[in-house]
Amino acid sequence: MRYIEPHAHMVSRTTDDYEKLITAGCEAVCEPAFWAGFDRASVEGFRDYYLQLTEYEPARAAKFGLPHYTWICLNPKEAEDLALAKDVLDIIPEFLDKPNVLGVGEIGLNKNSRNELEVLERHIEIAANRDELILVHTPHLEDKRKGTKLIIDALLNNPKVRPERVIIDHVEEHTIQLAMDKGFWAGMTLYPESKCTPARAVDMLELYGTNRIWMNCACDWGISDPLAVPKAIVEMRRRGHDQNVIDKVVYQNPHSFMSQCPKFQL
């Protein structure tokens, strides 16, 4: 069955995973900028990473016939050094015009610190001034609800932000309503250790509906599964969900959101 993988960190995956995605029916993969497993020490390190996202990784995906899109930002895990953050934010606009870049992301909070919030607000300003799509990372576990509220407040404090052009990712049962009540999109991340199982994701679909919501795997350096979305499709089928409903969640919804950027073409 066709689907779009809207959040996968393919720079951390082997080429076998591209083959798995194609075999499972994936028609496009989208890769937000994220933490590399260590803190980068210079703006040139970030520049090289952004070149990897906008040049090398699309070429690697193309070998398997898979369109590759990306998002550019400074990940919140690396936001504590405000001097470095300023230098990195200064180079972000030059990458936002690249042909496979959909917007600014994944921005957000990690430990809900003051410095992280300042860098988040700067990211929002960059995106809002350019009318870019925004993809948001919400914190893990016990910090998630507090962090989600702080992020939503920061977004709504900028009058240029349009909620329909923002997806708040990694929602769980205690945060999904916060995002959707304000008109934002919500992303459910199927990550085995710290976020959401396919069964929990389908539970949320049954509780909150299928509008303005998608599922993603967020596969990265840690224990994660690039085929998490197809496994959620199996769970939806097991529960008797109609094929049209499944297609809406795993293909039409991410397609609709990302098509707000004219560069997203399938």
C-alpha atoms as a PDB file:
ATOM      1  CA  MET A   1       0.000   0.000   0.000  1.00  0.00           C
ATOM      2  CA  ARG A   2       1.305   3.466  -0.831  1.00  0.00           C
ATOM      3  CA  TYR A   3       2.476   5.738   1.954  1.00  0.00           C
ATOM      4  CA  ILE A   4       4.770   8.690   2.618  1.00  0.00           C
ATOM      5  CA  GLU A   5       7.424   8.567   5.316  1.00  0.00           C
ATOM      6  CA  PRO A   6       7.311  12.184   6.561  1.00  0.00           C
ATOM      7  CA  HIS A   7      10.011  12.004   9.241  1.00  0.00           C
ATOM      8  CA  ALA A   8      13.055   9.760   8.893  1.00  0.00           C
ATOM      9  CA  HIS A   9      16.715  10.546   9.554  1.00  0.00           C
ATOM     10  CA  MET A  10      18.199   8.703   6.606  1.00  0.00           C
ATOM     11  CA  VAL A  11      21.745  10.020   7.085  1.00  0.00           C
ATOM     12  CA  SER A  12      21.889   7.595  10.023  1.00  0.00           C
ATOM     13  CA  ARG A  13      20.592   4.594   8.041  1.00  0.00           C
ATOM     14  CA  THR A  14      22.145   2.122   5.661  1.00  0.00           C
ATOM     15  CA  THR A  15      21.168   1.772   2.024  1.00  0.00           C
ATOM     16  CA  ASP A  16      19.301  -1.425   2.939  1.00  0.00           C
ATOM     17  CA  ASP A  17      16.705   0.770   4.610  1.00  0.00           C
ATOM     18  CA  TYR A  18      16.018   2.595   1.350  1.00  0.00           C
ATOM     19  CA  GLU A  19      15.329  -0.774  -0.243  1.00  0.00           C
ATOM     20  CA  LYS A  20      12.989  -1.674   2.622  1.00  0.00           C
ATOM     21  CA  LEU A  21      11.050   1.580   2.243  1.00  0.00           C
ATOM     22  CA  ILE A  22      10.583   1.119  -1.493  1.00  0.00           C
ATOM     23  CA  THR A  23       9.553  -2.525  -1.090  1.00  0.00           C
ATOM     24  CA  ALA A  24       6.965  -1.558   1.528  1.00  0.00           C
ATOM     25  CA  GLY A  25       5.329   1.026  -0.789  1.00  0.00           C
ATOM     26  CA  CYS A  26       6.962   4.282   0.307  1.00  0.00           C
ATOM     27  CA  GLU A  27       6.601   7.005  -2.344  1.00  0.00           C
ATOM     28  CA  ALA A  28       8.632   9.788  -0.685  1.00  0.00           C
ATOM     29  CA  VAL A  29      10.815  10.241   2.370  1.00  0.00           C
ATOM     30  CA  CYS A  30      11.232  13.497   4.283  1.00  0.00           C
ATOM     31  CA  GLU A  31      14.182  14.170   6.576  1.00  0.00           C
ATOM     32  CA  PRO A  32      14.206  16.925   9.189  1.00  0.00           C
ATOM     33  CA  ALA A  33      17.531  18.235  10.449  1.00  0.00           C
ATOM     34  CA  PHE A  34      18.431  16.699  13.805  1.00  0.00           C
ATOM     35  CA  TRP A  35      21.180  15.915  16.307  1.00  0.00           C
ATOM     36  CA  ALA A  36      24.046  13.800  14.991  1.00  0.00           C
ATOM     37  CA  GLY A  37      24.561  11.857  18.226  1.00  0.00           C
ATOM     38  CA  PHE A  38      27.147  14.411  19.338  1.00  0.00           C
ATOM     39  CA  ASP A  39      27.295  18.195  19.519  1.00  0.00           C
ATOM     40  CA  ARG A  40      28.804  19.790  16.419  1.00  0.00           C
ATOM     41  CA  ALA A  41      31.573  22.235  17.304  1.00  0.00           C
ATOM     42  CA  SER A  42      31.399  24.838  14.527  1.00  0.00           C
ATOM     43  CA  VAL A  43      29.175  26.517  12.011  1.00  0.00           C
ATOM     44  CA  GLU A  44      31.118  24.778   9.249  1.00  0.00           C
ATOM     45  CA  GLY A  45      30.123  21.434  10.734  1.00  0.00           C
ATOM     46  CA  PHE A  46      26.498  22.452  10.356  1.00  0.00           C
ATOM     47  CA  ARG A  47      27.113  23.720   6.838  1.00  0.00           C
ATOM     48  CA  ASP A  48      28.519  20.322   5.851  1.00  0.00           C
ATOM     49  CA  TYR A  49      25.493  18.623   7.397  1.00  0.00           C
ATOM     50  CA  TYR A  50      23.069  20.865   5.503  1.00  0.00           C
ATOM     51  CA  LEU A  51      24.935  20.077   2.286  1.00  0.00           C
ATOM     52  CA  GLN A  52      24.560  16.394   3.121  1.00  0.00           C
ATOM     53  CA  LEU A  53      20.800  16.856   3.500  1.00  0.00           C
ATOM     54  CA  THR A  54      20.362  18.926   0.348  1.00  0.00           C
ATOM     55  CA  GLU A  55      22.849  17.287  -2.019  1.00  0.00           C
ATOM     56  CA  TYR A  56      24.215  13.901  -1.002  1.00  0.00           C
ATOM     57  CA  GLU A  57      21.180  12.274   0.594  1.00  0.00           C
ATOM     58  CA  PRO A  58      18.765  13.140  -2.256  1.00  0.00           C
ATOM     59  CA  ALA A  59      21.268  11.568  -4.665  1.00  0.00           C
ATOM     60  CA  ARG A  60      21.504   8.425  -2.528  1.00  0.00           C
ATOM     61  CA  ALA A  61      17.712   8.121  -2.359  1.00  0.00           C
ATOM     62  CA  ALA A  62      17.402   8.697  -6.112  1.00  0.00           C
ATOM     63  CA  LYS A  63      19.367   5.495  -6.737  1.00  0.00           C
ATOM     64  CA  PHE A  64      16.322   3.677  -5.378  1.00  0.00           C
ATOM     65  CA  GLY A  65      13.776   5.833  -7.199  1.00  0.00           C
ATOM     66  CA  LEU A  66      12.693   7.495  -3.965  1.00  0.00           C
ATOM     67  CA  PRO A  67      12.099  11.278  -3.798  1.00  0.00           C
ATOM     68  CA  HIS A  68      13.913  12.787  -0.815  1.00  0.00           C
ATOM     69  CA  TYR A  69      12.895  16.036   0.893  1.00  0.00           C
ATOM     70  CA  THR A  70      14.357  17.735   3.928  1.00  0.00           C
ATOM     71  CA  TRP A  71      13.941  20.495   6.514  1.00  0.00           C
ATOM     72  CA  ILE A  72      16.680  22.799   7.820  1.00  0.00           C
ATOM     73  CA  CYS A  73      17.285  24.018  11.376  1.00  0.00           C
ATOM     74  CA  LEU A  74      19.496  23.882  14.452  1.00  0.00           C
ATOM     75  CA  ASN A  75      18.202  20.999  16.564  1.00  0.00           C
ATOM     76  CA  PRO A  76      17.143  21.979  20.110  1.00  0.00           C
ATOM     77  CA  LYS A  77      19.714  19.596  21.611  1.00  0.00           C
ATOM     78  CA  GLU A  78      22.411  21.931  20.286  1.00  0.00           C
ATOM     79  CA  ALA A  79      20.766  25.209  21.291  1.00  0.00           C
ATOM     80  CA  GLU A  80      22.516  25.893  24.597  1.00  0.00           C
ATOM     81  CA  ASP A  81      25.520  27.649  23.011  1.00  0.00           C
ATOM     82  CA  LEU A  82      23.835  30.887  21.964  1.00  0.00           C
ATOM     83  CA  ALA A  83      26.900  32.279  20.189  1.00  0.00           C
ATOM     84  CA  LEU A  84      27.194  29.196  17.980  1.00  0.00           C
ATOM     85  CA  ALA A  85      23.438  29.129  17.515  1.00  0.00           C
ATOM     86  CA  LYS A  86      23.471  32.681  16.170  1.00  0.00           C
ATOM     87  CA  ASP A  87      26.139  31.790  13.604  1.00  0.00           C
ATOM     88  CA  VAL A  88      24.222  28.688  12.517  1.00  0.00           C
ATOM     89  CA  LEU A  89      20.917  30.544  12.230  1.00  0.00           C
ATOM     90  CA  ASP A  90      22.652  33.085  10.002  1.00  0.00           C
ATOM     91  CA  ILE A  91      23.393  30.417   7.359  1.00  0.00           C
ATOM     92  CA  ILE A  92      20.007  28.681   7.448  1.00  0.00           C
ATOM     93  CA  PRO A  93      18.267  31.030   4.965  1.00  0.00           C
ATOM     94  CA  GLU A  94      20.780  30.192   2.224  1.00  0.00           C
ATOM     95  CA  PHE A  95      19.647  26.546   2.387  1.00  0.00           C
ATOM     96  CA  LEU A  96      15.906  27.162   2.551  1.00  0.00           C
ATOM     97  CA  ASP A  97      15.786  27.866  -1.192  1.00  0.00           C
ATOM     98  CA  LYS A  98      17.322  24.493  -2.104  1.00  0.00           C
ATOM     99  CA  PRO A  99      14.970  22.452  -4.316  1.00  0.00           C
ATOM    100  CA  ASN A 100      14.327  19.661  -1.790  1.00  0.00           C
ATOM    101  CA  VAL A 101      13.886  21.844   1.332  1.00  0.00           C
ATOM    102  CA  LEU A 102      10.290  22.071   2.587  1.00  0.00           C
ATOM    103  CA  GLY A 103      10.767  24.458   5.492  1.00  0.00           C
ATOM    104  CA  VAL A 104      12.224  24.922   8.970  1.00  0.00           C
ATOM    105  CA  GLY A 105      12.484  21.862  11.215  1.00  0.00           C
ATOM    106  CA  GLU A 106      12.633  19.982  13.395  1.00  0.00           C
ATOM    107  CA  ILE A 107      12.699  22.912  15.782  1.00  0.00           C
ATOM    108  CA  GLY A 108      11.399  22.836  19.332  1.00  0.00           C
ATOM    109  CA  LEU A 109      12.573  22.065  22.833  1.00  0.00           C
ATOM    110  CA  ASN A 110      14.618  19.309  24.451  1.00  0.00           C
ATOM    111  CA  LYS A 111      14.976  20.190  28.143  1.00  0.00           C
ATOM    112  CA  ASN A 112      12.717  23.247  28.059  1.00  0.00           C
ATOM    113  CA  SER A 113      15.600  25.555  28.930  1.00  0.00           C
ATOM    114  CA  ARG A 114      15.695  29.328  28.510  1.00  0.00           C
ATOM    115  CA  ASN A 115      18.370  29.128  25.798  1.00  0.00           C
ATOM    116  CA  GLU A 116      16.412  26.503  23.874  1.00  0.00           C
ATOM    117  CA  LEU A 117      13.332  28.720  23.994  1.00  0.00           C
ATOM    118  CA  GLU A 118      15.297  31.714  22.709  1.00  0.00           C
ATOM    119  CA  VAL A 119      16.649  29.712  19.767  1.00  0.00           C
ATOM    120  CA  LEU A 120      13.154  28.332  19.089  1.00  0.00           C
ATOM    121  CA  GLU A 121      11.757  31.871  18.901  1.00  0.00           C
ATOM    122  CA  ARG A 122      14.500  32.858  16.449  1.00  0.00           C
ATOM    123  CA  HIS A 123      13.687  29.853  14.268  1.00  0.00           C
ATOM    124  CA  ILE A 124      10.003  30.761  14.315  1.00  0.00           C
ATOM    125  CA  GLU A 125      10.841  34.303  13.256  1.00  0.00           C
ATOM    126  CA  ILE A 126      12.931  33.057  10.313  1.00  0.00           C
ATOM    127  CA  ALA A 127      10.152  30.720   9.198  1.00  0.00           C
ATOM    128  CA  ALA A 128       7.341  33.229   9.712  1.00  0.00           C
ATOM    129  CA  ASN A 129       9.106  36.016   7.844  1.00  0.00           C
ATOM    130  CA  ARG A 130       9.561  33.700   4.854  1.00  0.00           C
ATOM    131  CA  ASP A 131       6.175  31.954   5.237  1.00  0.00           C
ATOM    132  CA  GLU A 132       7.922  28.587   5.520  1.00  0.00           C
ATOM    133  CA  LEU A 133       6.342  25.364   6.731  1.00  0.00           C
ATOM    134  CA  ILE A 134       7.395  24.454  10.268  1.00  0.00           C
ATOM    135  CA  LEU A 135       8.033  20.998  11.734  1.00  0.00           C
ATOM    136  CA  VAL A 136       8.234  20.903  15.544  1.00  0.00           C
ATOM    137  CA  HIS A 137      10.041  18.491  17.857  1.00  0.00           C
ATOM    138  CA  THR A 138       8.406  18.098  21.275  1.00  0.00           C
ATOM    139  CA  PRO A 139      10.433  16.908  24.287  1.00  0.00           C
ATOM    140  CA  HIS A 140      10.529  13.372  25.595  1.00  0.00           C
ATOM    141  CA  LEU A 141       8.600  11.696  28.396  1.00  0.00           C
ATOM    142  CA  GLU A 142       8.009  13.784  31.546  1.00  0.00           C
ATOM    143  CA  ASP A 143       8.929  17.086  29.849  1.00  0.00           C
ATOM    144  CA  LYS A 144       6.579  16.614  26.895  1.00  0.00           C
ATOM    145  CA  ARG A 145       3.387  18.304  28.106  1.00  0.00           C
ATOM    146  CA  LYS A 146       5.182  21.319  29.594  1.00  0.00           C
ATOM    147  CA  GLY A 147       7.382  21.649  26.505  1.00  0.00           C
ATOM    148  CA  THR A 148       4.449  21.331  24.121  1.00  0.00           C
ATOM    149  CA  LYS A 149       2.640  24.160  25.921  1.00  0.00           C
ATOM    150  CA  LEU A 150       5.758  26.364  25.768  1.00  0.00           C
ATOM    151  CA  ILE A 151       6.178  25.646  22.051  1.00  0.00           C
ATOM    152  CA  ILE A 152       2.533  26.393  21.244  1.00  0.00           C
ATOM    153  CA  ASP A 153       2.745  29.664  23.160  1.00  0.00           C
ATOM    154  CA  ALA A 154       5.896  30.644  21.237  1.00  0.00           C
ATOM    155  CA  LEU A 155       4.218  29.860  17.916  1.00  0.00           C
ATOM    156  CA  LEU A 156       1.043  31.755  18.748  1.00  0.00           C
ATOM    157  CA  ASN A 157       3.029  34.739  20.025  1.00  0.00           C
ATOM    158  CA  ASN A 158       4.238  35.347  16.467  1.00  0.00           C
ATOM    159  CA  PRO A 159       1.335  36.912  14.532  1.00  0.00           C
ATOM    160  CA  LYS A 160       2.751  35.755  11.192  1.00  0.00           C
ATOM    161  CA  VAL A 161       2.536  32.046  12.070  1.00  0.00           C
ATOM    162  CA  ARG A 162      -0.368  30.202  10.473  1.00  0.00           C
ATOM    163  CA  PRO A 163      -1.210  27.037  12.456  1.00  0.00           C
ATOM    164  CA  GLU A 164      -2.247  25.112   9.343  1.00  0.00           C
ATOM    165  CA  ARG A 165       1.375  25.403   8.160  1.00  0.00           C
ATOM    166  CA  VAL A 166       2.820  23.912  11.365  1.00  0.00           C
ATOM    167  CA  ILE A 167       3.022  20.257  12.365  1.00  0.00           C
ATOM    168  CA  ILE A 168       3.743  19.440  16.001  1.00  0.00           C
ATOM    169  CA  ASP A 169       5.440  16.073  15.981  1.00  0.00           C
ATOM    170  CA  HIS A 170       5.927  13.306  18.564  1.00  0.00           C
ATOM    171  CA  VAL A 171       2.480  13.884  20.085  1.00  0.00           C
ATOM    172  CA  GLU A 172       1.212  11.369  22.602  1.00  0.00           C
ATOM    173  CA  GLU A 173      -2.065  10.831  24.424  1.00  0.00           C
ATOM    174  CA  HIS A 174      -1.506  13.744  26.804  1.00  0.00           C
ATOM    175  CA  THR A 175      -0.423  16.286  24.149  1.00  0.00           C
ATOM    176  CA  ILE A 176      -2.306  15.559  20.929  1.00  0.00           C
ATOM    177  CA  GLN A 177      -5.324  17.633  21.957  1.00  0.00           C
ATOM    178  CA  LEU A 178      -3.096  20.613  22.833  1.00  0.00           C
ATOM    179  CA  ALA A 179      -1.887  20.761  19.241  1.00  0.00           C
ATOM    180  CA  MET A 180      -5.125  20.028  17.447  1.00  0.00           C
ATOM    181  CA  ASP A 181      -7.270  22.403  19.502  1.00  0.00           C
ATOM    182  CA  LYS A 182      -5.142  25.327  18.260  1.00  0.00           C
ATOM    183  CA  GLY A 183      -5.424  24.336  14.600  1.00  0.00           C
ATOM    184  CA  PHE A 184      -1.967  22.799  14.236  1.00  0.00           C
ATOM    185  CA  TRP A 185      -1.251  19.484  12.558  1.00  0.00           C
ATOM    186  CA  ALA A 186      -0.153  16.589  14.771  1.00  0.00           C
ATOM    187  CA  GLY A 187       2.466  13.942  14.053  1.00  0.00           C
ATOM    188  CA  MET A 188       2.516  10.566  15.817  1.00  0.00           C
ATOM    189  CA  THR A 189       5.997   9.066  15.977  1.00  0.00           C
ATOM    190  CA  LEU A 190       6.166   5.272  16.052  1.00  0.00           C
ATOM    191  CA  TYR A 191       9.359   4.885  18.044  1.00  0.00           C
ATOM    192  CA  PRO A 192       9.797   1.781  20.189  1.00  0.00           C
ATOM    193  CA  GLU A 193      11.568   3.242  23.228  1.00  0.00           C
ATOM    194  CA  SER A 194      10.333   6.737  24.044  1.00  0.00           C
ATOM    195  CA  LYS A 195       7.340   7.730  21.933  1.00  0.00           C
ATOM    196  CA  CYS A 196       4.492   5.646  20.517  1.00  0.00           C
ATOM    197  CA  THR A 197       3.703   2.093  19.386  1.00  0.00           C
ATOM    198  CA  PRO A 198       1.555   1.393  16.309  1.00  0.00           C
ATOM    199  CA  ALA A 199      -1.255   0.193  18.578  1.00  0.00           C
ATOM    200  CA  ARG A 200      -1.220   3.408  20.631  1.00  0.00           C
ATOM    201  CA  ALA A 201      -1.164   5.473  17.441  1.00  0.00           C
ATOM    202  CA  VAL A 202      -4.236   3.698  16.093  1.00  0.00           C
ATOM    203  CA  ASP A 203      -5.932   4.195  19.468  1.00  0.00           C
ATOM    204  CA  MET A 204      -5.377   7.954  19.090  1.00  0.00           C
ATOM    205  CA  LEU A 205      -6.749   7.913  15.550  1.00  0.00           C
ATOM    206  CA  GLU A 206      -9.885   6.231  16.846  1.00  0.00           C
ATOM    207  CA  LEU A 207     -10.231   8.825  19.615  1.00  0.00           C
ATOM    208  CA  TYR A 208      -9.335  12.025  17.742  1.00  0.00           C
ATOM    209  CA  GLY A 209     -10.125  11.278  14.090  1.00  0.00           C
ATOM    210  CA  THR A 210      -8.014  11.397  10.969  1.00  0.00           C
ATOM    211  CA  ASN A 211      -7.911  15.109  10.116  1.00  0.00           C
ATOM    212  CA  ARG A 212      -4.634  17.042  10.347  1.00  0.00           C
ATOM    213  CA  ILE A 213      -2.637  14.055  11.549  1.00  0.00           C
ATOM    214  CA  TRP A 214       0.103  11.785  10.233  1.00  0.00           C
ATOM    215  CA  MET A 215       2.301   8.891  11.375  1.00  0.00           C
ATOM    216  CA  ASN A 216       6.074   8.644  11.007  1.00  0.00           C
ATOM    217  CA  CYS A 217       8.935   6.416  12.117  1.00  0.00           C
ATOM    218  CA  ALA A 218      11.623   9.053  12.948  1.00  0.00           C
ATOM    219  CA  CYS A 219      14.230   6.324  12.453  1.00  0.00           C
ATOM    220  CA  ASP A 220      17.664   7.538  13.528  1.00  0.00           C
ATOM    221  CA  TRP A 221      20.860   6.402  15.280  1.00  0.00           C
ATOM    222  CA  GLY A 222      18.944   4.750  18.112  1.00  0.00           C
ATOM    223  CA  ILE A 223      16.721   1.697  18.302  1.00  0.00           C
ATOM    224  CA  SER A 224      14.105   2.548  15.706  1.00  0.00           C
ATOM    225  CA  ASP A 225      12.192   0.997  12.834  1.00  0.00           C
ATOM    226  CA  PRO A 226      12.072   2.424   9.293  1.00  0.00           C
ATOM    227  CA  LEU A 227       9.037   0.206   8.619  1.00  0.00           C
ATOM    228  CA  ALA A 228       6.999   1.426  11.589  1.00  0.00           C
ATOM    229  CA  VAL A 229       4.339   3.081   9.393  1.00  0.00           C
ATOM    230  CA  PRO A 230       3.647  -0.074   7.324  1.00  0.00           C
ATOM    231  CA  LYS A 231       3.320  -1.966  10.619  1.00  0.00           C
ATOM    232  CA  ALA A 232       0.738   0.596  11.759  1.00  0.00           C
ATOM    233  CA  ILE A 233      -1.096   0.011   8.472  1.00  0.00           C
ATOM    234  CA  VAL A 234      -1.271  -3.685   9.377  1.00  0.00           C
ATOM    235  CA  GLU A 235      -2.691  -2.746  12.799  1.00  0.00           C
ATOM    236  CA  MET A 236      -5.352  -0.540  11.174  1.00  0.00           C
ATOM    237  CA  ARG A 237      -6.317  -3.375   8.844  1.00  0.00           C
ATOM    238  CA  ARG A 238      -6.484  -5.792  11.772  1.00  0.00           C
ATOM    239  CA  ARG A 239      -8.997  -3.484  13.460  1.00  0.00           C
ATOM    240  CA  GLY A 240     -11.137  -3.279  10.337  1.00  0.00           C
ATOM    241  CA  HIS A 241     -10.347   0.252   9.172  1.00  0.00           C
ATOM    242  CA  ASP A 242     -11.317   0.969   5.576  1.00  0.00           C
ATOM    243  CA  GLN A 243      -8.538   1.212   2.988  1.00  0.00           C
ATOM    244  CA  ASN A 244      -9.593   4.773   2.141  1.00  0.00           C
ATOM    245  CA  VAL A 245      -9.193   5.792   5.782  1.00  0.00           C
ATOM    246  CA  ILE A 246      -5.757   4.202   5.938  1.00  0.00           C
ATOM    247  CA  ASP A 247      -4.713   5.915   2.712  1.00  0.00           C
ATOM    248  CA  LYS A 248      -5.835   9.256   4.105  1.00  0.00           C
ATOM    249  CA  VAL A 249      -3.657   8.929   7.205  1.00  0.00           C
ATOM    250  CA  VAL A 250      -0.493   7.498   5.656  1.00  0.00           C
ATOM    251  CA  TYR A 251      -0.525   9.161   2.222  1.00  0.00           C
ATOM    252  CA  GLN A 252      -3.100  11.894   1.669  1.00  0.00           C
ATOM    253  CA  ASN A 253      -2.519  13.752   4.943  1.00  0.00           C
ATOM    254  CA  PRO A 254       1.265  14.093   4.687  1.00  0.00           C
ATOM    255  CA  HIS A 255       0.841  14.875   0.994  1.00  0.00           C
ATOM    256  CA  SER A 256      -1.669  17.644   1.785  1.00  0.00           C
ATOM    257  CA  PHE A 257       0.471  19.210   4.485  1.00  0.00           C
ATOM    258  CA  MET A 258       3.753  19.172   2.578  1.00  0.00           C
ATOM    259  CA  SER A 259       2.126  20.232  -0.691  1.00  0.00           C
ATOM    260  CA  GLN A 260       1.633  23.611   0.929  1.00  0.00           C
ATOM    261  CA  CYS A 261       5.263  24.003  -0.147  1.00  0.00           C
ATOM    262  CA  PRO A 262       5.250  24.095  -3.970  1.00  0.00           C
ATOM    263  CA  LYS A 263       8.569  22.213  -4.035  1.00  0.00           C
ATOM    264  CA  PHE A 264       6.841  19.028  -2.832  1.00  0.00           C
ATOM    265  CA  GLN A 265       5.919  17.206  -6.027  1.00  0.00           C
ATOM    266  CA  LEU A 266       5.004  13.536  -6.439  1.00  0.00           C
END
